[in-house]
Amino acid sequence: MKIKQTIDKVPGGLMVIPLLLGALLNTVDQLHLPFIMNFLKALGVAANQDGYYEFLKIGGFSQALFKDGALTLCALFLFCAGSQMNLRVGGKALKKGVLLTVSKYLAGFIVGMIWGYLSDPVNGFLGLSTMAIIAAMTNGNGGMFAALTGQYGNRSDVGATAVLSLNDGPFFTLMALGMMGANFPLIAFIAVLLPILIGMILGNLDKEIRTFLAAGESLVIPFFAFALGAGMNLASFFNPEVVGAGIVLALMTIIFSGGAMVLTFKLFREKSYIAPWAEASTAGNAVATPAAIAAAATVAAGSGLMTQAEADVYQGLVAVASAQISISTITTALLVPIAVILADKYQRKRGIDGKQENHVEVDNPSSTDSIENTIV
């Protein structure tokens, strides 16, 4: 059976499919069907505090991995992702990576702030929270970026991936919410950043460690995705408001973050805009951000910087925000390649080959040779 190949055919499938499976199983659990509960009781499963028997709460390694392991597995993912952040990048790749990271972050932050200001930061227009907007818009799909820039871009575009990996995980979202007034203690930021930082240090000190941990960056994703889904109800994904909000979130990510990155490239005299459009996506791992923010809120409540009621607001957003971000992940995975192809065609009409590092524009290039002659 070609299970992996089938999953890969779904945009963001490595994240989305396990998430949906976890949500499906949890949905069945929450129905409390008598024949299922009787079967589990016969196996010796202990009842939960409400007196029900559930597949995902059978104790032992199974419950630890498939139900309770989301945060631990997310932390492992961040550690492995950090190890792949190569500090030895070329000057032009570093420049592009910084421009893309900063402009994408600012676009997500500003849109999220305005959205929350005009409606409500917790349950704004279409049910979109500020947290969901910032999480989705600031974290791009690194794998898709590398693939698209590898096909349509140049070497420094691809090299920018090393810098863009900084936006993996919830740290930037946590920082944005902090700037908007949420009282997260310093230790909450350290707790989120530490796995990434340790991984980055080890990966840059020893090339073999980086190689060893590289597999973990993708290996862990389906496991923490399933565990996240195990805390969600499948009905969320079929709620018209959630679906509509997720699609709007995807369009905002492409239009506003993509537009901001293109404008930044233009201001810094970059001729090719393949990289900005290739980064105008929502990463699958952004689905884990609401859960991580909720965990940070719990820490804040414990330290007295946030009331328990405020922390509970973040806990209550996890399921809906995760579903909305999942839909944005799928939608941008379908639309961003189209945006890159259209950008490439537009550029070539102006005599700009995205695969080349340096360009000058010419009017009405008559052939491929005339395009090649524009390369400095």
Protein backbone atom coordinates (compact mmCIF):
# COMPACT_ATOMS: atom_id res chain seq x y z
CA MET A 1 0.00 0.00 0.00
CA LYS A 2 1.27 3.45 -0.91
CA ILE A 3 -0.06 5.26 2.15
CA LYS A 4 2.68 7.89 2.30
CA GLN A 5 2.33 8.75 -1.39
CA THR A 6 -1.43 9.16 -0.95
CA ILE A 7 -0.94 11.47 2.05
CA ASP A 8 1.61 13.54 0.11
CA LYS A 9 -0.98 14.20 -2.60
CA VAL A 10 -3.04 16.19 -0.08
CA PRO A 11 -1.78 19.76 0.44
CA GLY A 12 -0.18 19.82 3.87
CA GLY A 13 -1.19 16.17 4.15
CA LEU A 14 1.52 15.15 6.60
CA MET A 15 -0.03 17.56 9.09
CA VAL A 16 -3.68 17.66 8.05
CA ILE A 17 -4.47 13.95 7.59
CA PRO A 18 -3.26 12.83 11.07
CA LEU A 19 -4.97 15.88 12.58
CA LEU A 20 -8.28 14.88 10.99
CA LEU A 21 -7.83 11.25 12.08
CA GLY A 22 -7.20 12.35 15.65
CA ALA A 23 -10.25 14.61 15.52
CA LEU A 24 -12.35 11.77 14.07
CA LEU A 25 -11.40 9.38 16.83
CA ASN A 26 -11.98 12.02 19.50
CA THR A 27 -15.37 12.83 17.95
CA VAL A 28 -16.35 9.16 18.19
CA ASP A 29 -15.16 9.17 21.80
CA GLN A 30 -17.30 12.20 22.63
CA LEU A 31 -20.41 10.47 21.25
CA HIS A 32 -20.07 7.93 24.10
CA LEU A 33 -21.60 5.13 22.05
CA PRO A 34 -22.73 2.32 24.40
CA PHE A 35 -21.28 -0.58 22.39
CA ILE A 36 -17.87 1.10 22.23
CA MET A 37 -17.87 1.93 25.93
CA ASN A 38 -18.95 -1.62 26.80
CA PHE A 39 -16.13 -2.99 24.66
CA LEU A 40 -13.56 -0.76 26.35
CA LYS A 41 -14.95 -1.59 29.78
CA ALA A 42 -14.64 -5.30 29.00
CA LEU A 43 -10.97 -4.74 28.14
CA GLY A 44 -10.41 -3.23 31.58
CA VAL A 45 -10.15 0.44 30.55
CA ALA A 46 -10.67 2.82 33.47
CA ALA A 47 -13.53 5.30 33.25
CA ASN A 48 -12.71 9.01 33.03
CA GLN A 49 -13.82 11.48 35.69
CA ASP A 50 -17.24 11.75 34.06
CA GLY A 51 -17.73 7.99 34.08
CA TYR A 52 -17.20 7.45 30.33
CA TYR A 53 -14.83 5.07 28.51
CA GLU A 54 -12.81 6.45 25.60
CA PHE A 55 -10.39 5.03 23.01
CA LEU A 56 -7.91 7.83 23.58
CA LYS A 57 -7.90 7.51 27.37
CA ILE A 58 -6.74 3.95 27.96
CA GLY A 59 -3.59 4.92 29.84
CA GLY A 60 -0.02 3.79 29.25
CA PHE A 61 2.12 4.61 26.25
CA SER A 62 -0.91 4.85 23.92
CA GLN A 63 -2.57 7.69 25.81
CA ALA A 64 0.78 9.40 26.40
CA LEU A 65 1.55 9.41 22.67
CA PHE A 66 -1.81 9.80 20.96
CA LYS A 67 -3.78 11.92 23.45
CA ASP A 68 -1.49 13.73 25.87
CA GLY A 69 1.70 14.09 23.84
CA ALA A 70 0.97 17.17 21.72
CA LEU A 71 3.12 19.70 23.60
CA THR A 72 6.02 17.30 24.14
CA LEU A 73 6.04 16.33 20.47
CA CYS A 74 5.75 19.99 19.41
CA ALA A 75 8.77 20.78 21.58
CA LEU A 76 10.73 17.97 19.92
CA PHE A 77 9.75 19.33 16.51
CA LEU A 78 10.97 22.82 17.46
CA PHE A 79 14.24 21.34 18.72
CA CYS A 80 14.82 19.50 15.44
CA ALA A 81 13.72 22.53 13.39
CA GLY A 82 16.15 24.70 15.32
CA SER A 83 19.01 22.37 14.47
CA GLN A 84 18.42 23.03 10.76
CA MET A 85 18.85 26.82 11.11
CA ASN A 86 22.15 27.31 9.37
CA LEU A 87 23.89 30.48 10.56
CA ARG A 88 26.46 30.17 7.77
CA VAL A 89 24.39 31.65 4.94
CA GLY A 90 25.63 33.81 2.11
CA GLY A 91 25.19 37.58 2.18
CA LYS A 92 22.44 37.77 -0.44
CA ALA A 93 20.57 34.78 1.00
CA LEU A 94 20.80 36.38 4.44
CA LYS A 95 19.46 39.68 3.08
CA LYS A 96 16.50 38.01 1.38
CA GLY A 97 15.76 35.83 4.38
CA VAL A 98 15.69 38.83 6.72
CA LEU A 99 13.52 40.87 4.32
CA LEU A 100 11.03 38.03 3.94
CA THR A 101 10.90 37.16 7.65
CA VAL A 102 10.48 40.74 8.86
CA SER A 103 7.93 41.82 6.25
CA LYS A 104 5.84 38.65 6.61
CA TYR A 105 5.84 39.05 10.38
CA LEU A 106 4.87 42.72 10.26
CA ALA A 107 2.08 42.00 7.78
CA GLY A 108 0.59 39.33 10.04
CA PHE A 109 1.00 41.47 13.14
CA ILE A 110 -0.60 44.57 11.60
CA VAL A 111 -3.51 42.68 10.00
CA GLY A 112 -4.15 40.79 13.25
CA MET A 113 -4.04 43.99 15.29
CA ILE A 114 -6.39 45.89 12.94
CA TRP A 115 -8.77 42.91 12.71
CA GLY A 116 -8.96 42.69 16.49
CA TYR A 117 -9.30 46.46 16.90
CA LEU A 118 -12.18 46.73 14.39
CA SER A 119 -14.05 43.72 15.73
CA ASP A 120 -12.87 41.66 18.70
CA PRO A 121 -9.44 40.12 19.39
CA VAL A 122 -10.99 36.87 20.68
CA ASN A 123 -13.95 36.35 18.38
CA GLY A 124 -13.75 38.91 15.61
CA PHE A 125 -15.26 39.02 12.14
CA LEU A 126 -16.05 35.49 10.88
CA GLY A 127 -14.95 34.13 14.25
CA LEU A 128 -11.28 34.87 13.54
CA SER A 129 -9.17 35.68 16.56
CA THR A 130 -6.08 37.86 16.52
CA MET A 131 -4.07 34.84 17.62
CA ALA A 132 -5.24 32.72 14.66
CA ILE A 133 -4.47 35.50 12.17
CA ILE A 134 -0.96 36.15 13.44
CA ALA A 135 -0.15 32.45 13.78
CA ALA A 136 -1.29 31.70 10.22
CA MET A 137 0.14 34.76 8.49
CA THR A 138 3.60 34.86 10.10
CA ASN A 139 4.59 31.22 9.65
CA GLY A 140 5.25 30.10 6.06
CA ASN A 141 5.52 26.59 4.63
CA GLY A 142 9.30 26.11 4.46
CA GLY A 143 9.14 22.90 2.44
CA MET A 144 6.96 24.47 -0.23
CA PHE A 145 9.12 27.59 -0.27
CA ALA A 146 12.24 25.50 -0.88
CA ALA A 147 10.50 23.50 -3.62
CA LEU A 148 9.08 26.54 -5.44
CA THR A 149 12.24 28.64 -5.24
CA GLY A 150 14.25 25.60 -6.30
CA GLN A 151 12.14 25.34 -9.45
CA TYR A 152 11.48 29.00 -10.26
CA GLY A 153 13.97 30.96 -8.15
CA ASN A 154 17.73 31.33 -7.82
CA ARG A 155 20.35 30.13 -5.37
CA SER A 156 19.96 33.00 -2.89
CA ASP A 157 16.17 32.51 -2.89
CA VAL A 158 16.65 28.91 -1.83
CA GLY A 159 19.33 29.92 0.68
CA ALA A 160 16.87 32.27 2.39
CA THR A 161 15.17 29.14 3.78
CA ALA A 162 17.80 29.04 6.54
CA VAL A 163 16.63 32.42 7.87
CA LEU A 164 12.93 31.78 7.26
CA SER A 165 13.10 28.76 9.54
CA LEU A 166 13.22 31.29 12.41
CA ASN A 167 9.46 31.70 12.09
CA ASP A 168 8.84 28.02 12.89
CA GLY A 169 6.84 27.62 16.05
CA PRO A 170 4.84 29.93 18.31
CA PHE A 171 7.55 32.36 19.43
CA PHE A 172 6.72 35.19 17.00
CA THR A 173 3.00 34.87 17.73
CA LEU A 174 3.68 34.95 21.46
CA MET A 175 5.84 38.04 21.00
CA ALA A 176 3.11 39.77 18.97
CA LEU A 177 0.44 39.05 21.58
CA GLY A 178 2.81 40.36 24.24
CA MET A 179 3.29 43.60 22.33
CA MET A 180 -0.49 43.90 22.05
CA GLY A 181 -0.90 43.83 25.82
CA ALA A 182 -1.08 40.15 26.83
CA ASN A 183 0.89 39.75 30.07
CA PHE A 184 3.08 36.73 29.41
CA PRO A 185 6.00 36.39 31.84
CA LEU A 186 9.56 36.31 30.55
CA ILE A 187 9.82 32.63 31.42
CA ALA A 188 6.98 31.88 28.96
CA PHE A 189 9.08 33.33 26.11
CA ILE A 190 12.17 31.47 27.30
CA ALA A 191 10.21 28.22 27.58
CA VAL A 192 9.04 28.51 23.96
CA LEU A 193 12.39 29.66 22.57
CA LEU A 194 14.73 27.33 24.49
CA PRO A 195 14.18 24.12 22.45
CA ILE A 196 14.73 26.07 19.21
CA LEU A 197 17.83 27.80 20.60
CA ILE A 198 19.46 24.63 21.94
CA GLY A 199 18.76 22.83 18.66
CA MET A 200 20.19 25.74 16.66
CA ILE A 201 23.38 25.84 18.76
CA LEU A 202 23.97 22.10 18.49
CA GLY A 203 23.17 22.02 14.77
CA ASN A 204 25.65 24.79 14.03
CA LEU A 205 28.39 23.40 16.28
CA ASP A 206 28.29 19.93 14.75
CA LYS A 207 27.25 19.14 11.17
CA GLU A 208 26.65 15.49 12.11
CA ILE A 209 24.15 16.51 14.80
CA ARG A 210 22.31 18.63 12.23
CA THR A 211 22.18 15.68 9.84
CA PHE A 212 21.08 13.35 12.64
CA LEU A 213 18.22 15.65 13.70
CA ALA A 214 17.09 16.54 10.16
CA ALA A 215 14.74 13.56 9.94
CA GLY A 216 13.01 14.61 13.16
CA GLU A 217 11.78 17.83 11.58
CA SER A 218 9.31 15.89 9.41
CA LEU A 219 9.10 12.63 11.39
CA VAL A 220 7.45 14.23 14.42
CA ILE A 221 4.83 16.22 12.50
CA PRO A 222 2.17 13.50 12.01
CA PHE A 223 2.47 12.46 15.66
CA PHE A 224 1.91 15.89 17.19
CA ALA A 225 -0.75 16.55 14.54
CA PHE A 226 -2.70 13.46 15.63
CA ALA A 227 -2.37 14.42 19.30
CA LEU A 228 -3.62 17.94 18.52
CA GLY A 229 -6.55 16.49 16.60
CA ALA A 230 -7.31 14.25 19.56
CA GLY A 231 -8.38 17.36 21.44
CA MET A 232 -10.68 18.59 18.67
CA ASN A 233 -14.15 17.75 17.41
CA LEU A 234 -14.43 16.85 13.73
CA ALA A 235 -17.59 18.93 13.49
CA SER A 236 -15.38 22.03 13.68
CA PHE A 237 -14.03 21.30 10.22
CA PHE A 238 -17.52 21.16 8.74
CA ASN A 239 -18.76 24.30 10.43
CA PRO A 240 -19.43 26.78 7.59
CA GLU A 241 -18.16 29.67 9.71
CA VAL A 242 -14.88 27.88 10.44
CA VAL A 243 -14.41 26.87 6.80
CA GLY A 244 -15.22 30.37 5.58
CA ALA A 245 -12.90 31.93 8.16
CA GLY A 246 -10.10 29.54 7.18
CA ILE A 247 -10.44 30.43 3.49
CA VAL A 248 -10.48 34.16 4.28
CA LEU A 249 -7.42 33.64 6.46
CA ALA A 250 -5.67 31.95 3.53
CA LEU A 251 -6.53 34.77 1.15
CA MET A 252 -5.30 37.37 3.64
CA THR A 253 -2.08 35.41 4.05
CA ILE A 254 -1.44 35.32 0.31
CA ILE A 255 -2.58 38.86 -0.53
CA PHE A 256 -1.33 40.82 2.47
CA SER A 257 1.79 38.91 3.49
CA GLY A 258 2.71 38.21 -0.15
CA GLY A 259 2.07 41.83 -1.10
CA ALA A 260 4.11 43.12 1.85
CA MET A 261 7.06 40.91 0.92
CA VAL A 262 6.91 41.95 -2.74
CA LEU A 263 6.82 45.62 -1.73
CA THR A 264 9.81 45.10 0.57
CA PHE A 265 11.77 43.39 -2.21
CA LYS A 266 10.90 46.28 -4.50
CA LEU A 267 12.09 48.85 -1.94
CA PHE A 268 15.40 47.00 -1.64
CA ARG A 269 15.82 46.84 -5.43
CA GLU A 270 15.27 43.12 -5.89
CA LYS A 271 14.03 42.42 -9.41
CA SER A 272 12.61 38.92 -9.02
CA TYR A 273 9.58 38.38 -6.78
CA ILE A 274 9.50 34.59 -6.84
CA ALA A 275 10.63 34.26 -3.21
CA PRO A 276 7.96 36.58 -1.74
CA TRP A 277 5.10 34.73 -3.43
CA ALA A 278 6.64 31.36 -2.55
CA GLU A 279 6.59 32.38 1.13
CA ALA A 280 2.99 33.69 1.09
CA SER A 281 1.61 30.54 2.71
CA THR A 282 0.56 29.13 6.07
CA ALA A 283 2.79 26.39 7.47
CA GLY A 284 1.27 23.13 8.64
CA ASN A 285 3.13 23.40 11.93
CA ALA A 286 1.32 26.71 12.62
CA VAL A 287 -1.62 24.52 13.62
CA ALA A 288 0.28 23.75 16.82
CA THR A 289 0.67 27.43 17.76
CA PRO A 290 -2.72 27.92 19.52
CA ALA A 291 -1.98 24.98 21.85
CA ALA A 292 1.48 26.35 22.62
CA ILE A 293 0.06 29.83 23.32
CA ALA A 294 -2.55 28.29 25.61
CA ALA A 295 0.24 26.51 27.51
CA ALA A 296 2.10 29.83 27.86
CA ALA A 297 -1.10 31.42 29.16
CA THR A 298 -1.34 28.72 31.81
CA VAL A 299 2.19 29.61 32.92
CA ALA A 300 1.20 33.30 33.02
CA ALA A 301 -1.85 32.51 35.15
CA GLY A 302 0.31 30.50 37.53
CA SER A 303 2.71 33.41 37.96
CA GLY A 304 -0.09 35.91 38.58
CA LEU A 305 0.52 38.00 35.44
CA MET A 306 -2.75 36.81 33.94
CA THR A 307 -6.02 35.82 35.55
CA GLN A 308 -7.27 32.27 35.21
CA ALA A 309 -10.24 33.61 33.23
CA GLU A 310 -7.86 35.25 30.73
CA ALA A 311 -5.86 32.02 30.41
CA ASP A 312 -9.09 30.08 29.86
CA VAL A 313 -9.87 32.35 26.88
CA TYR A 314 -6.72 31.11 25.14
CA GLN A 315 -7.57 27.52 26.05
CA GLY A 316 -11.01 27.98 24.53
CA LEU A 317 -9.55 29.25 21.25
CA VAL A 318 -7.35 26.21 20.61
CA ALA A 319 -9.86 23.98 18.78
CA VAL A 320 -11.42 26.64 16.53
CA ALA A 321 -8.15 28.45 15.77
CA SER A 322 -6.40 25.15 14.97
CA ALA A 323 -9.20 24.20 12.56
CA GLN A 324 -9.09 27.62 10.87
CA ILE A 325 -5.32 27.47 10.48
CA SER A 326 -5.58 23.93 9.08
CA ILE A 327 -7.95 25.15 6.37
CA SER A 328 -5.62 28.06 5.63
CA THR A 329 -2.73 25.61 5.32
CA ILE A 330 -4.58 23.52 2.74
CA THR A 331 -5.86 26.54 0.80
CA THR A 332 -2.51 28.33 0.59
CA ALA A 333 -0.81 25.09 -0.43
CA LEU A 334 -3.14 25.01 -3.43
CA LEU A 335 -3.00 28.72 -4.32
CA VAL A 336 0.61 29.75 -3.64
CA PRO A 337 2.13 27.60 -6.43
CA ILE A 338 -0.34 29.24 -8.83
CA ALA A 339 0.75 32.68 -7.59
CA VAL A 340 4.41 31.76 -8.16
CA ILE A 341 3.72 30.49 -11.68
CA LEU A 342 1.83 33.68 -12.56
CA ALA A 343 4.64 35.82 -11.09
CA ASP A 344 7.20 33.88 -13.11
CA LYS A 345 5.25 34.39 -16.35
CA TYR A 346 4.82 38.09 -15.63
CA GLN A 347 8.52 38.54 -14.92
CA ARG A 348 9.60 36.69 -18.04
CA LYS A 349 7.45 38.99 -20.16
CA ARG A 350 9.53 41.82 -18.70
CA GLY A 351 12.78 40.01 -19.44
CA ILE A 352 13.46 38.82 -15.89
CA ASP A 353 14.46 35.20 -15.35
CA GLY A 354 13.86 34.31 -11.71
CA LYS A 355 16.57 31.65 -11.86
CA GLN A 356 19.28 34.26 -12.38
CA GLU A 357 20.85 36.20 -9.51
CA ASN A 358 21.19 39.59 -11.22
CA HIS A 359 18.90 41.27 -13.73
CA VAL A 360 18.25 44.37 -15.75
CA GLU A 361 14.85 44.94 -17.30
CA VAL A 362 14.43 45.21 -21.06
CA ASP A 363 11.35 46.15 -23.06
CA ASN A 364 9.59 43.47 -25.11
CA PRO A 365 12.22 40.71 -25.09
CA SER A 366 11.75 38.92 -28.38
CA SER A 367 13.26 35.56 -27.47
CA THR A 368 14.89 33.47 -24.83
CA ASP A 369 18.26 34.76 -26.08
CA SER A 370 17.21 38.35 -25.43
CA ILE A 371 16.27 37.34 -21.87
CA GLU A 372 19.63 35.70 -21.35
CA ASN A 373 21.36 38.86 -22.61
CA THR A 374 19.79 40.85 -19.79
CA ILE A 375 21.81 38.97 -17.18
CA VAL A 376 24.58 41.16 -15.83
